[in-house]
Amino acid sequence: MKLKIVSDGIPKNTKVITEDGKAIDNIRSITWHCEAGKLATVTLGLVLVEVDLTGEHDRSEYETVDVTPVGEEYKRTILVKKDTA
């Protein structure tokens, strides 16, 4: 995919355009990374993006631990690596 970034130097007026001429909305930030001898990259920070994600993870090495402070109404848990010692 090719993107075109057009800017007059003012963040508010910066636009990112797709190959088919459509503007990408809800851009919060654009970050450039250039390093000698390596491919330059750009990262777009987007907000209010609708996504549909699916993933798998083997949690057999981890366990859920209750870390709710005494007297707190809502339960808090964290995922920690099991002690194998």
C-alpha atoms as a PDB file:
ATOM      1  CA  MET A   1       0.000   0.000   0.000  1.00  0.00           C
ATOM      2  CA  LYS A   2       1.246   3.469  -0.854  1.00  0.00           C
ATOM      3  CA  LEU A   3       0.301   6.480   1.250  1.00  0.00           C
ATOM      4  CA  LYS A   4       0.899  10.139   0.515  1.00  0.00           C
ATOM      5  CA  ILE A   5       1.539  12.522   3.426  1.00  0.00           C
ATOM      6  CA  VAL A   6       0.816  16.174   2.613  1.00  0.00           C
ATOM      7  CA  SER A   7       1.752  18.842   5.141  1.00  0.00           C
ATOM      8  CA  ASP A   8       2.247  22.598   5.220  1.00  0.00           C
ATOM      9  CA  GLY A   9       4.108  22.238   8.516  1.00  0.00           C
ATOM     10  CA  ILE A  10       1.011  22.707  10.658  1.00  0.00           C
ATOM     11  CA  PRO A  11      -0.207  19.482  12.352  1.00  0.00           C
ATOM     12  CA  LYS A  12      -3.864  20.440  11.936  1.00  0.00           C
ATOM     13  CA  ASN A  13      -3.449  20.738   8.149  1.00  0.00           C
ATOM     14  CA  THR A  14      -1.489  17.499   7.639  1.00  0.00           C
ATOM     15  CA  LYS A  15      -3.325  14.910   5.536  1.00  0.00           C
ATOM     16  CA  VAL A  16      -2.623  11.246   4.759  1.00  0.00           C
ATOM     17  CA  ILE A  17      -4.035  10.100   1.417  1.00  0.00           C
ATOM     18  CA  THR A  18      -4.392   6.500   0.159  1.00  0.00           C
ATOM     19  CA  GLU A  19      -3.528   5.317  -3.361  1.00  0.00           C
ATOM     20  CA  ASP A  20      -7.146   5.743  -4.430  1.00  0.00           C
ATOM     21  CA  GLY A  21      -7.286   9.358  -3.200  1.00  0.00           C
ATOM     22  CA  LYS A  22      -9.196   8.834   0.052  1.00  0.00           C
ATOM     23  CA  ALA A  23      -8.098  10.713   3.178  1.00  0.00           C
ATOM     24  CA  ILE A  24      -7.396   8.681   6.314  1.00  0.00           C
ATOM     25  CA  ASP A  25      -9.303  10.192   9.239  1.00  0.00           C
ATOM     26  CA  ASN A  26      -8.583  10.234  12.987  1.00  0.00           C
ATOM     27  CA  ILE A  27      -4.784  10.499  12.765  1.00  0.00           C
ATOM     28  CA  ARG A  28      -3.353  11.543  16.116  1.00  0.00           C
ATOM     29  CA  SER A  29       0.355  11.409  15.270  1.00  0.00           C
ATOM     30  CA  ILE A  30       2.876  10.712  12.528  1.00  0.00           C
ATOM     31  CA  THR A  31       6.347   9.577  13.585  1.00  0.00           C
ATOM     32  CA  TRP A  32       9.303   9.192  11.239  1.00  0.00           C
ATOM     33  CA  HIS A  33      12.278   6.941  11.974  1.00  0.00           C
ATOM     34  CA  CYS A  34      15.328   7.201   9.745  1.00  0.00           C
ATOM     35  CA  GLU A  35      18.611   5.423  10.425  1.00  0.00           C
ATOM     36  CA  ALA A  36      21.697   5.277   8.217  1.00  0.00           C
ATOM     37  CA  GLY A  37      21.791   2.093   6.150  1.00  0.00           C
ATOM     38  CA  LYS A  38      18.274   1.032   7.122  1.00  0.00           C
ATOM     39  CA  LEU A  39      14.810   1.433   5.671  1.00  0.00           C
ATOM     40  CA  ALA A  40      13.038   4.619   6.780  1.00  0.00           C
ATOM     41  CA  THR A  41       9.701   3.936   8.493  1.00  0.00           C
ATOM     42  CA  VAL A  42       6.680   6.009   9.408  1.00  0.00           C
ATOM     43  CA  THR A  43       4.216   5.167  12.168  1.00  0.00           C
ATOM     44  CA  LEU A  44       0.685   6.557  12.101  1.00  0.00           C
ATOM     45  CA  GLY A  45      -1.086   6.913  15.454  1.00  0.00           C
ATOM     46  CA  LEU A  46      -4.836   6.546  14.937  1.00  0.00           C
ATOM     47  CA  VAL A  47      -7.712   7.181  17.344  1.00  0.00           C
ATOM     48  CA  LEU A  48     -11.342   6.067  17.216  1.00  0.00           C
ATOM     49  CA  VAL A  49     -10.506   3.114  14.969  1.00  0.00           C
ATOM     50  CA  GLU A  50     -12.986   0.246  14.725  1.00  0.00           C
ATOM     51  CA  VAL A  51     -11.193  -3.124  14.755  1.00  0.00           C
ATOM     52  CA  ASP A  52     -12.051  -6.811  14.707  1.00  0.00           C
ATOM     53  CA  LEU A  53      -9.222  -8.834  16.292  1.00  0.00           C
ATOM     54  CA  THR A  54      -8.759 -12.542  16.787  1.00  0.00           C
ATOM     55  CA  GLY A  55      -5.786 -14.132  18.499  1.00  0.00           C
ATOM     56  CA  GLU A  56      -4.539 -17.216  20.272  1.00  0.00           C
ATOM     57  CA  HIS A  57      -2.221 -17.474  23.242  1.00  0.00           C
ATOM     58  CA  ASP A  58      -1.029 -20.414  25.298  1.00  0.00           C
ATOM     59  CA  ARG A  59      -1.629 -19.334  28.902  1.00  0.00           C
ATOM     60  CA  SER A  60      -0.486 -22.638  30.430  1.00  0.00           C
ATOM     61  CA  GLU A  61       2.669 -20.947  31.778  1.00  0.00           C
ATOM     62  CA  TYR A  62       0.631 -18.247  33.530  1.00  0.00           C
ATOM     63  CA  GLU A  63      -1.848 -17.973  36.361  1.00  0.00           C
ATOM     64  CA  THR A  64      -4.327 -15.317  37.447  1.00  0.00           C
ATOM     65  CA  VAL A  65      -3.567 -13.744  40.823  1.00  0.00           C
ATOM     66  CA  ASP A  66      -6.035 -11.687  42.880  1.00  0.00           C
ATOM     67  CA  VAL A  67      -4.476  -8.334  43.831  1.00  0.00           C
ATOM     68  CA  THR A  68      -7.618  -6.634  45.135  1.00  0.00           C
ATOM     69  CA  PRO A  69      -6.790  -4.302  48.051  1.00  0.00           C
ATOM     70  CA  VAL A  70      -8.603  -5.166  51.290  1.00  0.00           C
ATOM     71  CA  GLY A  71     -12.024  -3.551  51.387  1.00  0.00           C
ATOM     72  CA  GLU A  72     -12.127  -2.574  47.703  1.00  0.00           C
ATOM     73  CA  GLU A  73     -15.428  -3.251  45.964  1.00  0.00           C
ATOM     74  CA  TYR A  74     -14.119  -4.253  42.520  1.00  0.00           C
ATOM     75  CA  LYS A  75     -11.899  -7.299  42.068  1.00  0.00           C
ATOM     76  CA  ARG A  76      -8.495  -6.780  40.432  1.00  0.00           C
ATOM     77  CA  THR A  77      -6.446  -9.586  38.943  1.00  0.00           C
ATOM     78  CA  ILE A  78      -3.134  -9.802  37.110  1.00  0.00           C
ATOM     79  CA  LEU A  79      -1.606 -12.493  34.931  1.00  0.00           C
ATOM     80  CA  VAL A  80       1.794 -13.730  36.185  1.00  0.00           C
ATOM     81  CA  LYS A  81       4.196 -16.437  35.081  1.00  0.00           C
ATOM     82  CA  LYS A  82       3.869 -19.591  37.191  1.00  0.00           C
ATOM     83  CA  ASP A  83       6.688 -20.349  39.604  1.00  0.00           C
ATOM     84  CA  THR A  84       8.335 -23.472  38.198  1.00  0.00           C
ATOM     85  CA  ALA A  85      10.938 -23.795  40.952  1.00  0.00           C
END
